[in-house]
Amino acid sequence: MTKYKVAIIGSTGRGDYGHGLDIVWQKFDDCEVVAVADQDAAGLQTAMTRTGAATAYADYRQMLDKERPHIVAICPRWADQHREMVLACAEYGCHMYMEKPFCRTLGEADEMIQACEMRHLKLAVAHISRYSPQLEVIRKLIQAGEIGDVLEIRARGKEDGRGGGEDLWVLGTHVLDLMRAFGGEPASCYATLYAKGQRVAREHVQPGNEGLGPLAGDRVDAMYHFQNGITGYFSSQKGAGGNPNRFGIRILGSKGMIEHTSGYANPAFLMNDARWGLSRDAAAWKTITSAGIDLPEPITVSGYEGGNPVAARDLIESIEQDRQPKCSMHHARGAIEMVLAVFESHRSNAPVLLPLGCQENPLGDL
């Protein structure tokens, strides 16, 4: 059995260690956590204890040079460090499992992808909904015609204090990736950003939280047309409920609808009603589990705690089978492109075609 040397990159105070990407490797007999790196001394010692790492480094580049790991967990949630970390890992021939969002611009994304592809490296991104077995169940239901022809996919963010542009970036990539999982490649986007009821203008653009780059808007309304004819919608408004249970997608068909909350093994539901629930008939709703319709859910651990081990194992299998992970860097780039398409459509005040031609954040040129 191959023993994989795993290294961890964290950044206390600047994205930290994400949603458990650092501790998942202890679950595998074929993985050994050889080192952890963090520029914060106190955070580094805590992480060393938490992860069981054999060695600690203040500089992740030094760690890569000394340890030569097979796999690196890139844990910081802040996106401004992702490019440099991925390029450094690629230079040393490391496969990667990393936090979302993937990066800040398409220019960064293309540079990261090229660096990995040149060295035949696998990179998986922690959009854990991609790994949920319910996705395959939902796909089969759609293929079997359970909801008829798919007409629309609707998605919303968490709409808490980060609602609007920030919600689109830090949480929206989860549901945009889900939209792509069912809708395929988007062909165009038309979107508008608002700040306190006004259309976002140059004076509203500020440096975004979590190293996101130029950002604006407490409300976003976006419409996507997919190449297969499906229309998708994403909306988020700051403080409009802040309910995580609304964070997900609705797939609306000519004969019914499917609801899927974002996350690994999180609740999903089917309604065989062309009125999309207007009948108010609670009995019309059926639960979708990883086992099928109205069957007991065999998965006992959901969310990141359940999803990270599945994603990490899939990365290892993708290395051994020489295939792309279920949520690859290409999928992650697609979600980033959908975010940036919103900004470009708002900037130009018109629909924009995808793939986008711009490599930077369009809000920087507003």
Protein backbone atom coordinates (compact mmCIF):
# COMPACT_ATOMS: atom_id res chain seq x y z
CA MET A 1 0.00 0.00 0.00
CA THR A 2 1.32 3.41 -0.99
CA LYS A 3 1.95 5.66 1.98
CA TYR A 4 1.22 9.28 1.11
CA LYS A 5 3.17 12.03 2.82
CA VAL A 6 0.73 14.87 3.54
CA ALA A 7 1.67 18.44 4.41
CA ILE A 8 -0.67 21.18 5.60
CA ILE A 9 -0.57 24.90 4.90
CA GLY A 10 -2.53 27.15 7.25
CA SER A 11 -2.53 30.88 7.86
CA THR A 12 -3.74 31.89 11.31
CA GLY A 13 -5.57 35.21 11.11
CA ARG A 14 -5.58 35.20 7.31
CA GLY A 15 -7.92 32.38 6.40
CA ASP A 16 -6.87 29.95 9.15
CA TYR A 17 -7.45 26.25 8.34
CA GLY A 18 -10.78 26.27 6.54
CA HIS A 19 -13.49 23.76 7.26
CA GLY A 20 -11.49 20.85 8.63
CA LEU A 21 -9.17 20.34 5.65
CA ASP A 22 -6.28 19.98 8.08
CA ILE A 23 -7.61 17.17 10.28
CA VAL A 24 -9.14 14.83 7.72
CA TRP A 25 -5.85 13.05 6.87
CA GLN A 26 -5.62 11.36 10.26
CA LYS A 27 -8.56 9.20 9.22
CA PHE A 28 -6.53 7.34 6.58
CA ASP A 29 -4.04 4.54 7.22
CA ASP A 30 -2.29 5.30 3.92
CA CYS A 31 -1.63 8.95 4.83
CA GLU A 32 0.98 10.38 7.18
CA VAL A 33 0.92 14.06 8.15
CA VAL A 34 4.60 14.91 7.98
CA ALA A 35 4.43 18.68 8.52
CA VAL A 36 2.34 21.80 8.94
CA ALA A 37 3.26 25.38 8.04
CA ASP A 38 1.86 28.62 9.44
CA GLN A 39 3.48 32.06 9.70
CA ASP A 40 1.82 32.62 13.10
CA ALA A 41 3.84 30.99 15.88
CA ALA A 42 0.95 30.39 18.28
CA GLY A 43 -1.31 29.13 15.50
CA LEU A 44 1.44 26.83 14.27
CA GLN A 45 1.86 25.11 17.63
CA THR A 46 -1.88 24.64 18.00
CA ALA A 47 -2.12 23.23 14.48
CA MET A 48 0.76 20.84 15.10
CA THR A 49 -1.07 19.38 18.09
CA ARG A 50 -4.43 19.28 16.31
CA THR A 51 -3.18 17.63 13.12
CA GLY A 52 -0.58 15.30 14.59
CA ALA A 53 2.05 16.76 12.26
CA ALA A 54 5.57 15.51 12.89
CA THR A 55 7.26 18.82 12.06
CA ALA A 56 6.31 22.51 12.08
CA TYR A 57 7.48 25.28 9.75
CA ALA A 58 6.94 29.04 9.71
CA ASP A 59 7.49 29.11 5.93
CA TYR A 60 5.51 26.74 3.73
CA ARG A 61 8.08 27.01 0.93
CA GLN A 62 10.75 25.72 3.27
CA MET A 63 8.40 22.92 4.30
CA LEU A 64 7.84 21.89 0.68
CA ASP A 65 11.57 21.91 -0.01
CA LYS A 66 12.49 19.88 3.07
CA GLU A 67 9.59 17.41 3.24
CA ARG A 68 8.72 16.86 -0.44
CA PRO A 69 5.13 15.76 0.35
CA HIS A 70 2.92 13.88 -2.10
CA ILE A 71 -0.24 15.79 -1.11
CA VAL A 72 -0.69 19.27 0.36
CA ALA A 73 -3.84 20.56 2.05
CA ILE A 74 -4.10 24.27 1.21
CA CYS A 75 -6.37 25.34 4.02
CA PRO A 76 -6.65 29.17 4.21
CA ARG A 77 -10.09 30.46 3.29
CA TRP A 78 -8.69 33.80 2.16
CA ALA A 79 -8.28 33.71 -1.61
CA ASP A 80 -5.40 36.16 -1.92
CA GLN A 81 -2.78 33.52 -1.02
CA HIS A 82 -4.13 30.66 -3.10
CA ARG A 83 -2.25 31.41 -6.32
CA GLU A 84 1.17 31.58 -4.66
CA MET A 85 0.51 28.46 -2.59
CA VAL A 86 -0.69 26.41 -5.57
CA LEU A 87 2.23 27.49 -7.75
CA ALA A 88 4.69 26.60 -5.00
CA CYS A 89 3.11 23.17 -4.47
CA ALA A 90 3.10 22.54 -8.21
CA GLU A 91 6.80 23.43 -8.41
CA TYR A 92 7.52 20.63 -5.94
CA GLY A 93 5.21 18.14 -7.69
CA CYS A 94 2.52 18.02 -4.99
CA HIS A 95 -1.11 17.11 -5.52
CA MET A 96 -3.54 19.39 -3.65
CA TYR A 97 -6.81 19.57 -1.75
CA MET A 98 -7.74 23.20 -1.15
CA GLU A 99 -10.35 25.53 0.24
CA LYS A 100 -12.69 27.55 -1.92
CA PRO A 101 -12.97 30.01 -3.50
CA PHE A 102 -10.36 28.76 -5.96
CA CYS A 103 -8.78 32.17 -6.59
CA ARG A 104 -9.61 35.82 -7.38
CA THR A 105 -9.35 36.11 -11.16
CA LEU A 106 -9.41 33.98 -14.30
CA GLY A 107 -5.81 34.99 -14.91
CA GLU A 108 -4.84 33.40 -11.60
CA ALA A 109 -6.99 30.35 -12.33
CA ASP A 110 -5.41 29.74 -15.72
CA GLU A 111 -1.91 30.12 -14.29
CA MET A 112 -2.67 27.61 -11.53
CA ILE A 113 -4.27 25.12 -13.91
CA GLN A 114 -1.36 25.36 -16.35
CA ALA A 115 1.17 24.78 -13.57
CA CYS A 116 -0.69 21.63 -12.46
CA GLU A 117 -1.31 20.28 -15.94
CA MET A 118 2.35 20.71 -16.94
CA ARG A 119 3.28 18.35 -14.10
CA HIS A 120 0.23 16.04 -14.34
CA LEU A 121 -0.91 17.01 -10.84
CA LYS A 122 -4.39 16.61 -9.38
CA LEU A 123 -6.08 19.47 -7.53
CA ALA A 124 -9.41 19.08 -5.76
CA VAL A 125 -11.46 21.95 -4.31
CA ALA A 126 -13.68 21.68 -1.22
CA HIS A 127 -17.04 22.25 -2.89
CA ILE A 128 -18.30 19.28 -0.90
CA SER A 129 -21.74 19.18 -2.52
CA ARG A 130 -20.00 17.73 -5.60
CA TYR A 131 -19.11 14.67 -3.55
CA SER A 132 -22.58 14.04 -2.12
CA PRO A 133 -24.05 10.75 -3.39
CA GLN A 134 -27.41 12.53 -3.63
CA LEU A 135 -26.15 14.24 -6.78
CA GLU A 136 -26.15 10.95 -8.66
CA VAL A 137 -29.60 10.09 -7.30
CA ILE A 138 -30.91 13.48 -8.45
CA ARG A 139 -29.29 13.09 -11.88
CA LYS A 140 -30.99 9.70 -12.34
CA LEU A 141 -34.35 11.15 -11.28
CA ILE A 142 -34.00 13.94 -13.84
CA GLN A 143 -32.90 11.49 -16.56
CA ALA A 144 -35.91 9.29 -15.74
CA GLY A 145 -38.22 12.26 -16.31
CA GLU A 146 -39.42 12.57 -12.71
CA ILE A 147 -39.71 16.36 -13.00
CA GLY A 148 -40.15 16.51 -16.78
CA ASP A 149 -38.04 18.91 -18.80
CA VAL A 150 -35.72 21.02 -16.64
CA LEU A 151 -36.73 24.67 -17.12
CA GLU A 152 -34.90 26.63 -14.43
CA ILE A 153 -32.34 26.31 -11.66
CA ARG A 154 -32.67 28.83 -8.85
CA ALA A 155 -30.01 29.43 -6.22
CA ARG A 156 -29.57 31.76 -3.26
CA GLY A 157 -26.72 32.45 -0.88
CA LYS A 158 -26.93 32.45 2.91
CA GLU A 159 -27.97 36.13 2.89
CA ASP A 160 -26.55 36.87 6.31
CA GLY A 161 -24.23 39.82 7.03
CA ARG A 162 -22.24 38.88 3.94
CA GLY A 163 -25.24 39.11 1.60
CA GLY A 164 -24.76 40.50 -1.88
CA GLY A 165 -21.36 40.56 -3.56
CA GLU A 166 -19.49 38.94 -0.67
CA ASP A 167 -22.08 36.16 -0.42
CA LEU A 168 -21.67 35.55 -4.15
CA TRP A 169 -17.91 35.11 -3.69
CA VAL A 170 -17.42 33.24 -0.42
CA LEU A 171 -20.56 31.07 -0.40
CA GLY A 172 -22.10 31.44 -3.83
CA THR A 173 -19.39 29.36 -5.48
CA HIS A 174 -20.90 26.33 -3.71
CA VAL A 175 -24.30 26.74 -5.36
CA LEU A 176 -22.90 28.02 -8.66
CA ASP A 177 -20.90 24.81 -8.82
CA LEU A 178 -24.11 22.88 -8.11
CA MET A 179 -25.83 24.77 -10.93
CA ARG A 180 -23.03 23.72 -13.27
CA ALA A 181 -23.33 20.12 -12.04
CA PHE A 182 -26.91 19.98 -13.32
CA GLY A 183 -27.00 22.73 -15.95
CA GLY A 184 -23.65 22.20 -17.63
CA GLU A 185 -21.69 25.07 -19.13
CA PRO A 186 -23.24 28.57 -19.00
CA ALA A 187 -23.38 30.51 -22.25
CA SER A 188 -24.21 34.01 -20.97
CA CYS A 189 -24.88 36.10 -17.88
CA TYR A 190 -26.90 39.22 -17.18
CA ALA A 191 -26.57 40.68 -13.70
CA THR A 192 -26.89 43.82 -11.57
CA LEU A 193 -25.36 44.80 -8.22
CA TYR A 194 -27.01 47.19 -5.77
CA ALA A 195 -25.75 49.08 -2.71
CA LYS A 196 -28.44 50.42 -0.35
CA GLY A 197 -30.96 50.45 -3.18
CA GLN A 198 -28.70 52.19 -5.69
CA ARG A 199 -27.03 50.61 -8.67
CA VAL A 200 -23.40 50.00 -7.73
CA ALA A 201 -21.06 52.70 -9.04
CA ARG A 202 -17.31 53.26 -8.76
CA GLU A 203 -17.61 54.88 -5.32
CA HIS A 204 -19.16 51.69 -3.90
CA VAL A 205 -16.21 49.46 -4.85
CA GLN A 206 -13.94 48.60 -1.92
CA PRO A 207 -11.32 45.94 -1.14
CA GLY A 208 -13.29 42.82 -0.30
CA ASN A 209 -13.03 40.82 2.89
CA GLU A 210 -10.99 37.61 2.94
CA GLY A 211 -8.60 38.91 0.30
CA LEU A 212 -11.19 38.78 -2.46
CA GLY A 213 -10.07 41.87 -4.36
CA PRO A 214 -12.46 44.61 -5.59
CA LEU A 215 -15.98 44.01 -4.26
CA ALA A 216 -19.27 45.87 -3.97
CA GLY A 217 -22.97 45.45 -3.40
CA ASP A 218 -25.34 44.33 -0.66
CA ARG A 219 -27.65 42.79 -3.26
CA VAL A 220 -26.97 40.82 -6.43
CA ASP A 221 -29.40 39.50 -9.03
CA ALA A 222 -27.95 37.32 -11.77
CA MET A 223 -29.43 35.33 -14.64
CA TYR A 224 -27.51 32.71 -16.59
CA HIS A 225 -28.40 30.96 -19.82
CA PHE A 226 -26.84 27.53 -20.14
CA GLN A 227 -25.77 25.93 -23.39
CA ASN A 228 -28.45 23.24 -23.03
CA GLY A 229 -31.25 25.82 -22.87
CA ILE A 230 -31.75 25.88 -19.09
CA THR A 231 -31.99 29.25 -17.35
CA GLY A 232 -30.32 29.74 -13.99
CA TYR A 233 -30.76 32.44 -11.37
CA PHE A 234 -28.62 33.46 -8.42
CA SER A 235 -29.71 36.12 -5.91
CA SER A 236 -28.48 37.32 -2.55
CA GLN A 237 -29.50 40.25 -0.38
CA LYS A 238 -27.72 41.24 2.80
CA GLY A 239 -29.71 40.43 5.93
CA ALA A 240 -32.58 38.83 4.00
CA GLY A 241 -33.13 36.01 6.43
CA GLY A 242 -29.63 34.71 7.03
CA ASN A 243 -31.05 31.20 7.06
CA PRO A 244 -28.57 28.48 5.97
CA ASN A 245 -31.46 26.15 5.16
CA ARG A 246 -32.32 28.39 2.19
CA PHE A 247 -28.75 28.12 0.98
CA GLY A 248 -29.00 25.78 -1.98
CA ILE A 249 -30.74 25.24 -5.31
CA ARG A 250 -34.15 24.47 -6.74
CA ILE A 251 -34.38 22.56 -10.01
CA LEU A 252 -37.72 23.40 -11.60
CA GLY A 253 -39.17 21.13 -14.26
CA SER A 254 -42.30 20.89 -16.36
CA LYS A 255 -43.70 18.17 -14.08
CA GLY A 256 -42.22 19.00 -10.69
CA MET A 257 -39.22 20.26 -8.77
CA ILE A 258 -36.22 19.17 -6.72
CA GLU A 259 -34.73 21.08 -3.79
CA HIS A 260 -31.15 20.47 -2.68
CA THR A 261 -29.55 22.37 0.19
CA SER A 262 -25.84 22.98 -0.23
CA GLY A 263 -23.50 20.54 1.47
CA TYR A 264 -22.55 16.90 1.74
CA ALA A 265 -25.50 14.55 2.42
CA ASN A 266 -27.70 17.53 3.33
CA PRO A 267 -31.49 17.36 2.83
CA ALA A 268 -32.91 17.10 -0.68
CA PHE A 269 -36.54 16.80 -1.70
CA LEU A 270 -38.67 15.87 -4.71
CA MET A 271 -42.13 17.16 -5.58
CA ASN A 272 -44.05 15.62 -8.49
CA ASP A 273 -46.29 18.65 -8.98
CA ALA A 274 -46.17 20.91 -12.02
CA ARG A 275 -47.47 23.75 -9.84
CA TRP A 276 -44.13 23.74 -7.96
CA GLY A 277 -45.69 23.45 -4.55
CA LEU A 278 -48.58 25.89 -4.98
CA SER A 279 -50.94 23.09 -3.93
CA ARG A 280 -49.56 23.40 -0.37
CA ASP A 281 -49.80 19.63 -0.16
CA ALA A 282 -47.09 18.57 2.24
CA ALA A 283 -47.68 14.94 1.32
CA ALA A 284 -46.48 15.67 -2.21
CA TRP A 285 -42.91 16.13 -0.96
CA LYS A 286 -40.61 13.10 -0.97
CA THR A 287 -37.22 12.92 0.68
CA ILE A 288 -34.20 12.18 -1.49
CA THR A 289 -31.47 10.32 0.38
CA SER A 290 -28.24 8.83 -0.91
CA ALA A 291 -30.13 5.50 -1.01
CA GLY A 292 -33.05 6.78 -3.10
CA ILE A 293 -36.58 8.13 -2.58
CA ASP A 294 -38.06 8.03 0.94
CA LEU A 295 -35.45 5.52 2.08
CA PRO A 296 -33.44 5.78 5.30
CA GLU A 297 -30.27 7.82 4.93
CA PRO A 298 -27.31 5.45 5.42
CA ILE A 299 -24.85 8.34 5.76
CA THR A 300 -24.59 9.29 9.41
CA VAL A 301 -22.18 12.22 9.15
CA SER A 302 -23.08 15.15 6.88
CA GLY A 303 -21.53 18.55 6.19
CA TYR A 304 -17.77 19.06 6.05
CA GLU A 305 -17.14 16.40 8.69
CA GLY A 306 -18.66 13.82 6.37
CA GLY A 307 -17.68 15.40 3.07
CA ASN A 308 -13.98 16.07 3.61
CA PRO A 309 -13.04 12.39 4.05
CA VAL A 310 -14.94 11.52 0.87
CA ALA A 311 -13.30 14.37 -1.06
CA ALA A 312 -9.82 13.51 0.24
CA ARG A 313 -10.27 9.84 -0.63
CA ASP A 314 -11.52 10.80 -4.09
CA LEU A 315 -8.37 12.89 -4.59
CA ILE A 316 -6.19 9.91 -3.68
CA GLU A 317 -8.15 7.69 -6.06
CA SER A 318 -7.86 10.30 -8.81
CA ILE A 319 -4.07 10.21 -8.36
CA GLU A 320 -3.99 6.43 -8.52
CA GLN A 321 -6.42 6.19 -11.45
CA ASP A 322 -5.03 9.22 -13.31
CA ARG A 323 -8.38 10.98 -13.59
CA GLN A 324 -9.75 14.33 -12.48
CA PRO A 325 -11.24 14.67 -8.96
CA LYS A 326 -15.01 15.01 -8.73
CA CYS A 327 -14.54 18.71 -7.97
CA SER A 328 -11.51 19.52 -10.06
CA MET A 329 -9.67 22.77 -10.64
CA HIS A 330 -11.61 23.03 -13.91
CA HIS A 331 -14.95 22.88 -12.08
CA ALA A 332 -13.67 25.45 -9.58
CA ARG A 333 -12.57 27.76 -12.40
CA GLY A 334 -16.06 27.48 -13.89
CA ALA A 335 -17.64 28.68 -10.64
CA ILE A 336 -15.18 31.60 -10.46
CA GLU A 337 -16.02 32.53 -14.04
CA MET A 338 -19.73 32.68 -13.13
CA VAL A 339 -18.89 35.09 -10.29
CA LEU A 340 -16.76 37.32 -12.48
CA ALA A 341 -19.40 37.25 -15.22
CA VAL A 342 -21.75 38.97 -12.75
CA PHE A 343 -19.22 41.77 -12.27
CA GLU A 344 -18.53 42.10 -15.99
CA SER A 345 -22.24 42.20 -16.86
CA HIS A 346 -22.83 44.87 -14.23
CA ARG A 347 -19.83 46.87 -15.44
CA SER A 348 -20.99 46.80 -19.06
CA ASN A 349 -24.70 47.07 -18.12
CA ALA A 350 -25.44 44.33 -20.64
CA PRO A 351 -25.49 40.55 -21.00
CA VAL A 352 -22.04 39.02 -21.45
CA LEU A 353 -21.07 35.87 -23.30
CA LEU A 354 -19.11 33.06 -21.70
CA PRO A 355 -16.31 32.12 -21.75
CA LEU A 356 -15.24 35.55 -20.55
CA GLY A 357 -12.46 37.41 -22.29
CA CYS A 358 -11.31 39.39 -19.24
CA GLN A 359 -8.56 37.98 -17.02
CA GLU A 360 -8.93 40.42 -14.10
CA ASN A 361 -11.78 41.42 -11.77
CA PRO A 362 -14.08 43.69 -13.83
CA LEU A 363 -15.02 45.75 -10.76
CA GLY A 364 -11.51 47.17 -10.84
CA ASP A 365 -12.46 48.96 -14.10
CA LEU A 366 -15.92 50.16 -13.04
